[in-house]
Amino acid sequence: MATPLEQALAAIVSTFQKHAEVSGNKHRLCQAELKELLQKELPTWTPMGLRECDYSAFMSVLDTNKDCEVDFVEYVRSLACLCTFCHDYFKDSTPATPCSE
């Protein structure tokens, strides 16, 4: 049986591939695929009122090599940033059950 971390890694890869393969290339997301991924996979994090120019701006931030697509490495970097943000946000809160030392 897969551990939660193994399941999470599989979900990260399969989610990217599912949305990327819409255009026939499961290694890159175009802007439309990125928009769909954000809306369907991160609905709580994606405000409903985003305009197309907002998605364009987000795309330009993620697309570090400026090829007008988001490859898997760029996608994983964005998830790492989200994880870092969540960790930083919650790191100062008191844990429910302290770790034993």
PDB file of N, CA and C in Angstrom:
ATOM      1  N   MET A   1       0.850  -1.177   0.000  1.00  0.00           N
ATOM      2  CA  MET A   1       0.000   0.000   0.000  1.00  0.00           C
ATOM      3  C   MET A   1       0.898   1.243   0.000  1.00  0.00           C
ATOM      4  N   ALA A   2       0.541   2.193  -0.832  1.00  0.00           N
ATOM      5  CA  ALA A   2       1.342   3.413  -0.961  1.00  0.00           C
ATOM      6  C   ALA A   2       1.161   4.315   0.258  1.00  0.00           C
ATOM      7  N   THR A   3       2.235   4.968   0.632  1.00  0.00           N
ATOM      8  CA  THR A   3       2.184   5.917   1.744  1.00  0.00           C
ATOM      9  C   THR A   3       1.515   7.204   1.265  1.00  0.00           C
ATOM     10  N   PRO A   4       1.082   8.072   2.185  1.00  0.00           N
ATOM     11  CA  PRO A   4       0.476   9.341   1.768  1.00  0.00           C
ATOM     12  C   PRO A   4       1.399  10.184   0.882  1.00  0.00           C
ATOM     13  N   LEU A   5       2.690  10.190   1.174  1.00  0.00           N
ATOM     14  CA  LEU A   5       3.616  10.967   0.346  1.00  0.00           C
ATOM     15  C   LEU A   5       3.734  10.365  -1.053  1.00  0.00           C
ATOM     16  N   GLU A   6       3.786   9.045  -1.133  1.00  0.00           N
ATOM     17  CA  GLU A   6       3.824   8.389  -2.439  1.00  0.00           C
ATOM     18  C   GLU A   6       2.549   8.685  -3.234  1.00  0.00           C
ATOM     19  N   GLN A   7       1.417   8.675  -2.567  1.00  0.00           N
ATOM     20  CA  GLN A   7       0.145   9.004  -3.222  1.00  0.00           C
ATOM     21  C   GLN A   7       0.141  10.452  -3.705  1.00  0.00           C
ATOM     22  N   ALA A   8       0.700  11.342  -2.890  1.00  0.00           N
ATOM     23  CA  ALA A   8       0.749  12.755  -3.267  1.00  0.00           C
ATOM     24  C   ALA A   8       1.635  12.961  -4.493  1.00  0.00           C
ATOM     25  N   LEU A   9       2.776  12.300  -4.525  1.00  0.00           N
ATOM     26  CA  LEU A   9       3.665  12.408  -5.683  1.00  0.00           C
ATOM     27  C   LEU A   9       2.989  11.878  -6.942  1.00  0.00           C
ATOM     28  N   ALA A  10       2.306  10.760  -6.829  1.00  0.00           N
ATOM     29  CA  ALA A  10       1.587  10.201  -7.972  1.00  0.00           C
ATOM     30  C   ALA A  10       0.489  11.153  -8.438  1.00  0.00           C
ATOM     31  N   ALA A  11      -0.189  11.782  -7.494  1.00  0.00           N
ATOM     32  CA  ALA A  11      -1.246  12.734  -7.847  1.00  0.00           C
ATOM     33  C   ALA A  11      -0.682  13.965  -8.557  1.00  0.00           C
ATOM     34  N   ILE A  12       0.476  14.444  -8.114  1.00  0.00           N
ATOM     35  CA  ILE A  12       1.116  15.603  -8.751  1.00  0.00           C
ATOM     36  C   ILE A  12       1.444  15.288 -10.208  1.00  0.00           C
ATOM     37  N   VAL A  13       2.042  14.134 -10.444  1.00  0.00           N
ATOM     38  CA  VAL A  13       2.435  13.750 -11.810  1.00  0.00           C
ATOM     39  C   VAL A  13       1.205  13.493 -12.676  1.00  0.00           C
ATOM     40  N   SER A  14       0.279  12.691 -12.185  1.00  0.00           N
ATOM     41  CA  SER A  14      -0.887  12.330 -13.008  1.00  0.00           C
ATOM     42  C   SER A  14      -1.792  13.535 -13.282  1.00  0.00           C
ATOM     43  N   THR A  15      -1.897  14.447 -12.339  1.00  0.00           N
ATOM     44  CA  THR A  15      -2.703  15.651 -12.556  1.00  0.00           C
ATOM     45  C   THR A  15      -2.105  16.496 -13.675  1.00  0.00           C
ATOM     46  N   PHE A  16      -0.793  16.681 -13.638  1.00  0.00           N
ATOM     47  CA  PHE A  16      -0.128  17.437 -14.702  1.00  0.00           C
ATOM     48  C   PHE A  16      -0.358  16.765 -16.048  1.00  0.00           C
ATOM     49  N   GLN A  17      -0.104  15.461 -16.132  1.00  0.00           N
ATOM     50  CA  GLN A  17      -0.228  14.756 -17.398  1.00  0.00           C
ATOM     51  C   GLN A  17      -1.663  14.762 -17.930  1.00  0.00           C
ATOM     52  N   LYS A  18      -2.627  14.613 -17.033  1.00  0.00           N
ATOM     53  CA  LYS A  18      -4.037  14.607 -17.449  1.00  0.00           C
ATOM     54  C   LYS A  18      -4.405  15.919 -18.126  1.00  0.00           C
ATOM     55  N   HIS A  19      -3.973  17.031 -17.566  1.00  0.00           N
ATOM     56  CA  HIS A  19      -4.319  18.332 -18.137  1.00  0.00           C
ATOM     57  C   HIS A  19      -3.446  18.684 -19.332  1.00  0.00           C
ATOM     58  N   ALA A  20      -2.192  18.253 -19.316  1.00  0.00           N
ATOM     59  CA  ALA A  20      -1.284  18.578 -20.414  1.00  0.00           C
ATOM     60  C   ALA A  20      -1.622  17.810 -21.681  1.00  0.00           C
ATOM     61  N   GLU A  21      -2.097  16.588 -21.544  1.00  0.00           N
ATOM     62  CA  GLU A  21      -2.316  15.770 -22.729  1.00  0.00           C
ATOM     63  C   GLU A  21      -3.527  16.199 -23.554  1.00  0.00           C
ATOM     64  N   VAL A  22      -4.302  17.149 -23.054  1.00  0.00           N
ATOM     65  CA  VAL A  22      -5.452  17.646 -23.811  1.00  0.00           C
ATOM     66  C   VAL A  22      -5.000  18.147 -25.186  1.00  0.00           C
ATOM     67  N   SER A  23      -3.862  18.824 -25.237  1.00  0.00           N
ATOM     68  CA  SER A  23      -3.352  19.346 -26.509  1.00  0.00           C
ATOM     69  C   SER A  23      -2.442  18.340 -27.219  1.00  0.00           C
ATOM     70  N   GLY A  24      -2.279  17.168 -26.628  1.00  0.00           N
ATOM     71  CA  GLY A  24      -1.470  16.138 -27.264  1.00  0.00           C
ATOM     72  C   GLY A  24      -0.043  16.040 -26.756  1.00  0.00           C
ATOM     73  N   ASN A  25       0.386  16.937 -25.891  1.00  0.00           N
ATOM     74  CA  ASN A  25       1.738  16.893 -25.353  1.00  0.00           C
ATOM     75  C   ASN A  25       1.650  16.819 -23.837  1.00  0.00           C
ATOM     76  N   LYS A  26       1.868  15.632 -23.282  1.00  0.00           N
ATOM     77  CA  LYS A  26       1.706  15.468 -21.836  1.00  0.00           C
ATOM     78  C   LYS A  26       2.898  15.991 -21.039  1.00  0.00           C
ATOM     79  N   HIS A  27       3.803  16.702 -21.709  1.00  0.00           N
ATOM     80  CA  HIS A  27       4.982  17.250 -21.037  1.00  0.00           C
ATOM     81  C   HIS A  27       4.906  18.760 -20.845  1.00  0.00           C
ATOM     82  N   ARG A  28       3.861  19.401 -21.393  1.00  0.00           N
ATOM     83  CA  ARG A  28       3.753  20.866 -21.307  1.00  0.00           C
ATOM     84  C   ARG A  28       2.294  21.290 -21.212  1.00  0.00           C
ATOM     85  N   LEU A  29       2.053  22.353 -20.459  1.00  0.00           N
ATOM     86  CA  LEU A  29       0.722  22.951 -20.359  1.00  0.00           C
ATOM     87  C   LEU A  29       0.699  24.254 -21.145  1.00  0.00           C
ATOM     88  N   CYS A  30      -0.286  24.396 -22.018  1.00  0.00           N
ATOM     89  CA  CYS A  30      -0.500  25.702 -22.636  1.00  0.00           C
ATOM     90  C   CYS A  30      -1.343  26.521 -21.651  1.00  0.00           C
ATOM     91  N   GLN A  31      -1.597  27.771 -21.969  1.00  0.00           N
ATOM     92  CA  GLN A  31      -2.329  28.624 -21.026  1.00  0.00           C
ATOM     93  C   GLN A  31      -3.733  28.098 -20.750  1.00  0.00           C
ATOM     94  N   ALA A  32      -4.415  27.593 -21.768  1.00  0.00           N
ATOM     95  CA  ALA A  32      -5.774  27.062 -21.568  1.00  0.00           C
ATOM     96  C   ALA A  32      -5.755  25.846 -20.645  1.00  0.00           C
ATOM     97  N   GLU A  33      -4.752  24.992 -20.798  1.00  0.00           N
ATOM     98  CA  GLU A  33      -4.638  23.816 -19.939  1.00  0.00           C
ATOM     99  C   GLU A  33      -4.295  24.215 -18.513  1.00  0.00           C
ATOM    100  N   LEU A  34      -3.418  25.199 -18.364  1.00  0.00           N
ATOM    101  CA  LEU A  34      -3.076  25.690 -17.027  1.00  0.00           C
ATOM    102  C   LEU A  34      -4.311  26.269 -16.345  1.00  0.00           C
ATOM    103  N   LYS A  35      -5.085  27.034 -17.082  1.00  0.00           N
ATOM    104  CA  LYS A  35      -6.314  27.627 -16.533  1.00  0.00           C
ATOM    105  C   LYS A  35      -7.268  26.535 -16.067  1.00  0.00           C
ATOM    106  N   GLU A  36      -7.459  25.510 -16.894  1.00  0.00           N
ATOM    107  CA  GLU A  36      -8.348  24.412 -16.525  1.00  0.00           C
ATOM    108  C   GLU A  36      -7.829  23.666 -15.305  1.00  0.00           C
ATOM    109  N   LEU A  37      -6.522  23.418 -15.258  1.00  0.00           N
ATOM    110  CA  LEU A  37      -5.927  22.737 -14.108  1.00  0.00           C
ATOM    111  C   LEU A  37      -6.197  23.536 -12.835  1.00  0.00           C
ATOM    112  N   LEU A  38      -5.952  24.827 -12.878  1.00  0.00           N
ATOM    113  CA  LEU A  38      -6.169  25.669 -11.695  1.00  0.00           C
ATOM    114  C   LEU A  38      -7.630  25.658 -11.267  1.00  0.00           C
ATOM    115  N   GLN A  39      -8.533  25.788 -12.225  1.00  0.00           N
ATOM    116  CA  GLN A  39      -9.959  25.845 -11.900  1.00  0.00           C
ATOM    117  C   GLN A  39     -10.487  24.519 -11.362  1.00  0.00           C
ATOM    118  N   LYS A  40     -10.029  23.408 -11.932  1.00  0.00           N
ATOM    119  CA  LYS A  40     -10.561  22.103 -11.532  1.00  0.00           C
ATOM    120  C   LYS A  40      -9.824  21.478 -10.356  1.00  0.00           C
ATOM    121  N   GLU A  41      -8.517  21.696 -10.271  1.00  0.00           N
ATOM    122  CA  GLU A  41      -7.724  21.007  -9.259  1.00  0.00           C
ATOM    123  C   GLU A  41      -7.436  21.861  -8.020  1.00  0.00           C
ATOM    124  N   LEU A  42      -7.527  23.181  -8.160  1.00  0.00           N
ATOM    125  CA  LEU A  42      -7.298  24.089  -7.023  1.00  0.00           C
ATOM    126  C   LEU A  42      -8.433  25.116  -6.929  1.00  0.00           C
ATOM    127  N   PRO A  43      -9.677  24.645  -6.898  1.00  0.00           N
ATOM    128  CA  PRO A  43     -10.796  25.602  -6.938  1.00  0.00           C
ATOM    129  C   PRO A  43     -10.857  26.536  -5.721  1.00  0.00           C
ATOM    130  N   THR A  44     -10.428  26.060  -4.574  1.00  0.00           N
ATOM    131  CA  THR A  44     -10.441  26.893  -3.372  1.00  0.00           C
ATOM    132  C   THR A  44      -9.386  27.986  -3.449  1.00  0.00           C
ATOM    133  N   TRP A  45      -8.303  27.712  -4.162  1.00  0.00           N
ATOM    134  CA  TRP A  45      -7.181  28.646  -4.272  1.00  0.00           C
ATOM    135  C   TRP A  45      -7.317  29.575  -5.474  1.00  0.00           C
ATOM    136  N   THR A  46      -8.228  29.278  -6.384  1.00  0.00           N
ATOM    137  CA  THR A  46      -8.389  30.059  -7.602  1.00  0.00           C
ATOM    138  C   THR A  46      -9.686  30.851  -7.525  1.00  0.00           C
ATOM    139  N   PRO A  47      -9.602  32.149  -7.338  1.00  0.00           N
ATOM    140  CA  PRO A  47     -10.816  32.956  -7.277  1.00  0.00           C
ATOM    141  C   PRO A  47     -11.618  32.836  -8.568  1.00  0.00           C
ATOM    142  N   MET A  48     -12.930  32.798  -8.444  1.00  0.00           N
ATOM    143  CA  MET A  48     -13.800  32.651  -9.617  1.00  0.00           C
ATOM    144  C   MET A  48     -13.741  33.880 -10.521  1.00  0.00           C
ATOM    145  N   GLY A  49     -13.402  35.018  -9.978  1.00  0.00           N
ATOM    146  CA  GLY A  49     -13.423  36.247 -10.743  1.00  0.00           C
ATOM    147  C   GLY A  49     -12.164  36.540 -11.541  1.00  0.00           C
ATOM    148  N   LEU A  50     -11.274  35.554 -11.667  1.00  0.00           N
ATOM    149  CA  LEU A  50     -10.050  35.801 -12.431  1.00  0.00           C
ATOM    150  C   LEU A  50     -10.396  36.042 -13.896  1.00  0.00           C
ATOM    151  N   ARG A  51      -9.748  37.043 -14.459  1.00  0.00           N
ATOM    152  CA  ARG A  51      -9.941  37.351 -15.870  1.00  0.00           C
ATOM    153  C   ARG A  51      -8.845  36.667 -16.683  1.00  0.00           C
ATOM    154  N   GLU A  52      -9.032  36.656 -17.981  1.00  0.00           N
ATOM    155  CA  GLU A  52      -8.040  36.022 -18.852  1.00  0.00           C
ATOM    156  C   GLU A  52      -6.666  36.661 -18.686  1.00  0.00           C
ATOM    157  N   CYS A  53      -6.638  37.979 -18.471  1.00  0.00           N
ATOM    158  CA  CYS A  53      -5.344  38.646 -18.285  1.00  0.00           C
ATOM    159  C   CYS A  53      -4.680  38.215 -16.972  1.00  0.00           C
ATOM    160  N   ASP A  54      -5.479  37.819 -15.982  1.00  0.00           N
ATOM    161  CA  ASP A  54      -4.908  37.307 -14.735  1.00  0.00           C
ATOM    162  C   ASP A  54      -4.221  35.964 -14.978  1.00  0.00           C
ATOM    163  N   TYR A  55      -4.861  35.115 -15.789  1.00  0.00           N
ATOM    164  CA  TYR A  55      -4.237  33.834 -16.130  1.00  0.00           C
ATOM    165  C   TYR A  55      -2.987  34.055 -16.965  1.00  0.00           C
ATOM    166  N   SER A  56      -3.015  35.041 -17.842  1.00  0.00           N
ATOM    167  CA  SER A  56      -1.829  35.366 -18.648  1.00  0.00           C
ATOM    168  C   SER A  56      -0.676  35.804 -17.752  1.00  0.00           C
ATOM    169  N   ALA A  57      -0.984  36.611 -16.756  1.00  0.00           N
ATOM    170  CA  ALA A  57       0.049  37.080 -15.827  1.00  0.00           C
ATOM    171  C   ALA A  57       0.612  35.914 -15.021  1.00  0.00           C
ATOM    172  N   PHE A  58      -0.262  35.033 -14.562  1.00  0.00           N
ATOM    173  CA  PHE A  58       0.183  33.863 -13.805  1.00  0.00           C
ATOM    174  C   PHE A  58       1.050  32.965 -14.682  1.00  0.00           C
ATOM    175  N   MET A  59       0.620  32.797 -15.926  1.00  0.00           N
ATOM    176  CA  MET A  59       1.377  31.990 -16.881  1.00  0.00           C
ATOM    177  C   MET A  59       2.776  32.568 -17.076  1.00  0.00           C
ATOM    178  N   SER A  60       2.878  33.865 -17.196  1.00  0.00           N
ATOM    179  CA  SER A  60       4.187  34.478 -17.441  1.00  0.00           C
ATOM    180  C   SER A  60       5.112  34.325 -16.233  1.00  0.00           C
ATOM    181  N   VAL A  61       4.542  34.277 -15.042  1.00  0.00           N
ATOM    182  CA  VAL A  61       5.356  34.063 -13.842  1.00  0.00           C
ATOM    183  C   VAL A  61       5.878  32.624 -13.803  1.00  0.00           C
ATOM    184  N   LEU A  62       5.016  31.666 -14.128  1.00  0.00           N
ATOM    185  CA  LEU A  62       5.420  30.257 -14.089  1.00  0.00           C
ATOM    186  C   LEU A  62       6.353  29.888 -15.237  1.00  0.00           C
ATOM    187  N   ASP A  63       6.147  30.509 -16.384  1.00  0.00           N
ATOM    188  CA  ASP A  63       6.899  30.176 -17.599  1.00  0.00           C
ATOM    189  C   ASP A  63       8.273  30.840 -17.557  1.00  0.00           C
ATOM    190  N   THR A  64       9.162  30.267 -16.778  1.00  0.00           N
ATOM    191  CA  THR A  64      10.466  30.895 -16.549  1.00  0.00           C
ATOM    192  C   THR A  64      11.360  30.907 -17.777  1.00  0.00           C
ATOM    193  N   ASN A  65      11.183  29.957 -18.699  1.00  0.00           N
ATOM    194  CA  ASN A  65      12.015  29.950 -19.908  1.00  0.00           C
ATOM    195  C   ASN A  65      11.347  30.684 -21.079  1.00  0.00           C
ATOM    196  N   LYS A  66      10.174  31.258 -20.831  1.00  0.00           N
ATOM    197  CA  LYS A  66       9.452  32.116 -21.782  1.00  0.00           C
ATOM    198  C   LYS A  66       9.182  31.433 -23.125  1.00  0.00           C
ATOM    199  N   ASP A  67       8.751  30.153 -23.073  1.00  0.00           N
ATOM    200  CA  ASP A  67       8.386  29.452 -24.296  1.00  0.00           C
ATOM    201  C   ASP A  67       6.870  29.372 -24.481  1.00  0.00           C
ATOM    202  N   CYS A  68       6.140  30.142 -23.672  1.00  0.00           N
ATOM    203  CA  CYS A  68       4.666  30.220 -23.729  1.00  0.00           C
ATOM    204  C   CYS A  68       3.982  28.918 -23.322  1.00  0.00           C
ATOM    205  N   GLU A  69       4.681  28.095 -22.566  1.00  0.00           N
ATOM    206  CA  GLU A  69       4.132  26.870 -22.011  1.00  0.00           C
ATOM    207  C   GLU A  69       4.742  26.643 -20.632  1.00  0.00           C
ATOM    208  N   VAL A  70       4.038  25.864 -19.824  1.00  0.00           N
ATOM    209  CA  VAL A  70       4.556  25.498 -18.508  1.00  0.00           C
ATOM    210  C   VAL A  70       4.940  24.034 -18.572  1.00  0.00           C
ATOM    211  N   ASP A  71       6.234  23.763 -18.433  1.00  0.00           N
ATOM    212  CA  ASP A  71       6.682  22.370 -18.436  1.00  0.00           C
ATOM    213  C   ASP A  71       6.570  21.809 -17.015  1.00  0.00           C
ATOM    214  N   PHE A  72       6.908  20.536 -16.879  1.00  0.00           N
ATOM    215  CA  PHE A  72       6.729  19.870 -15.590  1.00  0.00           C
ATOM    216  C   PHE A  72       7.581  20.500 -14.493  1.00  0.00           C
ATOM    217  N   VAL A  73       8.802  20.879 -14.808  1.00  0.00           N
ATOM    218  CA  VAL A  73       9.679  21.494 -13.802  1.00  0.00           C
ATOM    219  C   VAL A  73       9.092  22.824 -13.330  1.00  0.00           C
ATOM    220  N   GLU A  74       8.589  23.624 -14.252  1.00  0.00           N
ATOM    221  CA  GLU A  74       7.980  24.911 -13.874  1.00  0.00           C
ATOM    222  C   GLU A  74       6.733  24.680 -13.017  1.00  0.00           C
ATOM    223  N   TYR A  75       5.967  23.660 -13.356  1.00  0.00           N
ATOM    224  CA  TYR A  75       4.763  23.294 -12.597  1.00  0.00           C
ATOM    225  C   TYR A  75       5.140  22.868 -11.167  1.00  0.00           C
ATOM    226  N   VAL A  76       6.158  22.020 -11.054  1.00  0.00           N
ATOM    227  CA  VAL A  76       6.575  21.543  -9.732  1.00  0.00           C
ATOM    228  C   VAL A  76       7.123  22.699  -8.899  1.00  0.00           C
ATOM    229  N   ARG A  77       7.847  23.615  -9.519  1.00  0.00           N
ATOM    230  CA  ARG A  77       8.329  24.796  -8.786  1.00  0.00           C
ATOM    231  C   ARG A  77       7.156  25.593  -8.215  1.00  0.00           C
ATOM    232  N   SER A  78       6.085  25.736  -8.994  1.00  0.00           N
ATOM    233  CA  SER A  78       4.927  26.487  -8.498  1.00  0.00           C
ATOM    234  C   SER A  78       4.282  25.778  -7.318  1.00  0.00           C
ATOM    235  N   LEU A  79       4.218  24.433  -7.377  1.00  0.00           N
ATOM    236  CA  LEU A  79       3.670  23.679  -6.242  1.00  0.00           C
ATOM    237  C   LEU A  79       4.576  23.791  -5.024  1.00  0.00           C
ATOM    238  N   ALA A  80       5.883  23.796  -5.255  1.00  0.00           N
ATOM    239  CA  ALA A  80       6.824  23.966  -4.145  1.00  0.00           C
ATOM    240  C   ALA A  80       6.632  25.329  -3.492  1.00  0.00           C
ATOM    241  N   CYS A  81       6.389  26.341  -4.293  1.00  0.00           N
ATOM    242  CA  CYS A  81       6.131  27.682  -3.737  1.00  0.00           C
ATOM    243  C   CYS A  81       4.849  27.684  -2.916  1.00  0.00           C
ATOM    244  N   LEU A  82       3.811  27.008  -3.412  1.00  0.00           N
ATOM    245  CA  LEU A  82       2.562  26.908  -2.645  1.00  0.00           C
ATOM    246  C   LEU A  82       2.785  26.176  -1.329  1.00  0.00           C
ATOM    247  N   CYS A  83       3.551  25.094  -1.377  1.00  0.00           N
ATOM    248  CA  CYS A  83       3.853  24.342  -0.150  1.00  0.00           C
ATOM    249  C   CYS A  83       4.636  25.202   0.837  1.00  0.00           C
ATOM    250  N   THR A  84       5.595  25.957   0.328  1.00  0.00           N
ATOM    251  CA  THR A  84       6.393  26.842   1.181  1.00  0.00           C
ATOM    252  C   THR A  84       5.505  27.909   1.815  1.00  0.00           C
ATOM    253  N   PHE A  85       4.621  28.474   1.010  1.00  0.00           N
ATOM    254  CA  PHE A  85       3.694  29.476   1.535  1.00  0.00           C
ATOM    255  C   PHE A  85       2.845  28.882   2.659  1.00  0.00           C
ATOM    256  N   CYS A  86       2.295  27.694   2.425  1.00  0.00           N
ATOM    257  CA  CYS A  86       1.464  27.045   3.457  1.00  0.00           C
ATOM    258  C   CYS A  86       2.282  26.745   4.704  1.00  0.00           C
ATOM    259  N   HIS A  87       3.484  26.248   4.511  1.00  0.00           N
ATOM    260  CA  HIS A  87       4.346  25.940   5.652  1.00  0.00           C
ATOM    261  C   HIS A  87       4.666  27.213   6.439  1.00  0.00           C
ATOM    262  N   ASP A  88       5.045  28.272   5.734  1.00  0.00           N
ATOM    263  CA  ASP A  88       5.366  29.534   6.401  1.00  0.00           C
ATOM    264  C   ASP A  88       4.155  30.102   7.125  1.00  0.00           C
ATOM    265  N   TYR A  89       2.981  29.963   6.518  1.00  0.00           N
ATOM    266  CA  TYR A  89       1.763  30.492   7.112  1.00  0.00           C
ATOM    267  C   TYR A  89       1.442  29.784   8.429  1.00  0.00           C
ATOM    268  N   PHE A  90       1.642  28.478   8.459  1.00  0.00           N
ATOM    269  CA  PHE A  90       1.260  27.697   9.632  1.00  0.00           C
ATOM    270  C   PHE A  90       2.398  27.416  10.611  1.00  0.00           C
ATOM    271  N   LYS A  91       3.635  27.750  10.253  1.00  0.00           N
ATOM    272  CA  LYS A  91       4.755  27.358  11.117  1.00  0.00           C
ATOM    273  C   LYS A  91       4.759  28.060  12.468  1.00  0.00           C
ATOM    274  N   ASP A  92       4.145  29.230  12.566  1.00  0.00           N
ATOM    275  CA  ASP A  92       4.118  29.933  13.841  1.00  0.00           C
ATOM    276  C   ASP A  92       2.916  29.554  14.704  1.00  0.00           C
ATOM    277  N   SER A  93       2.003  28.747  14.156  1.00  0.00           N
ATOM    278  CA  SER A  93       0.863  28.319  14.963  1.00  0.00           C
ATOM    279  C   SER A  93       1.282  27.161  15.859  1.00  0.00           C
ATOM    280  N   THR A  94       0.652  27.033  16.992  1.00  0.00           N
ATOM    281  CA  THR A  94       0.984  25.992  17.951  1.00  0.00           C
ATOM    282  C   THR A  94       0.435  24.655  17.442  1.00  0.00           C
ATOM    283  N   PRO A  95       1.284  23.642  17.368  1.00  0.00           N
ATOM    284  CA  PRO A  95       0.782  22.332  16.918  1.00  0.00           C
ATOM    285  C   PRO A  95      -0.220  21.754  17.899  1.00  0.00           C
ATOM    286  N   ALA A  96      -1.178  20.999  17.390  1.00  0.00           N
ATOM    287  CA  ALA A  96      -2.211  20.404  18.232  1.00  0.00           C
ATOM    288  C   ALA A  96      -1.595  19.416  19.216  1.00  0.00           C
ATOM    289  N   THR A  97      -0.670  18.625  18.733  1.00  0.00           N
ATOM    290  CA  THR A  97       0.031  17.689  19.617  1.00  0.00           C
ATOM    291  C   THR A  97       1.534  17.906  19.404  1.00  0.00           C
ATOM    292  N   PRO A  98       2.215  18.414  20.417  1.00  0.00           N
ATOM    293  CA  PRO A  98       3.647  18.687  20.259  1.00  0.00           C
ATOM    294  C   PRO A  98       4.440  17.413  19.967  1.00  0.00           C
ATOM    295  N   CYS A  99       5.468  17.571  19.202  1.00  0.00           N
ATOM    296  CA  CYS A  99       6.360  16.436  18.907  1.00  0.00           C
ATOM    297  C   CYS A  99       7.105  16.039  20.181  1.00  0.00           C
ATOM    298  N   SER A 100       7.299  14.748  20.344  1.00  0.00           N
ATOM    299  CA  SER A 100       8.100  14.323  21.488  1.00  0.00           C
ATOM    300  C   SER A 100       9.555  14.495  21.137  1.00  0.00           C
ATOM    301  N   GLU A 101      10.348  14.848  22.096  1.00  0.00           N
ATOM    302  CA  GLU A 101      11.768  15.108  21.837  1.00  0.00           C
ATOM    303  C   GLU A 101      12.627  13.990  22.350  1.00  0.00           C
TER     304      GLU A 101
END
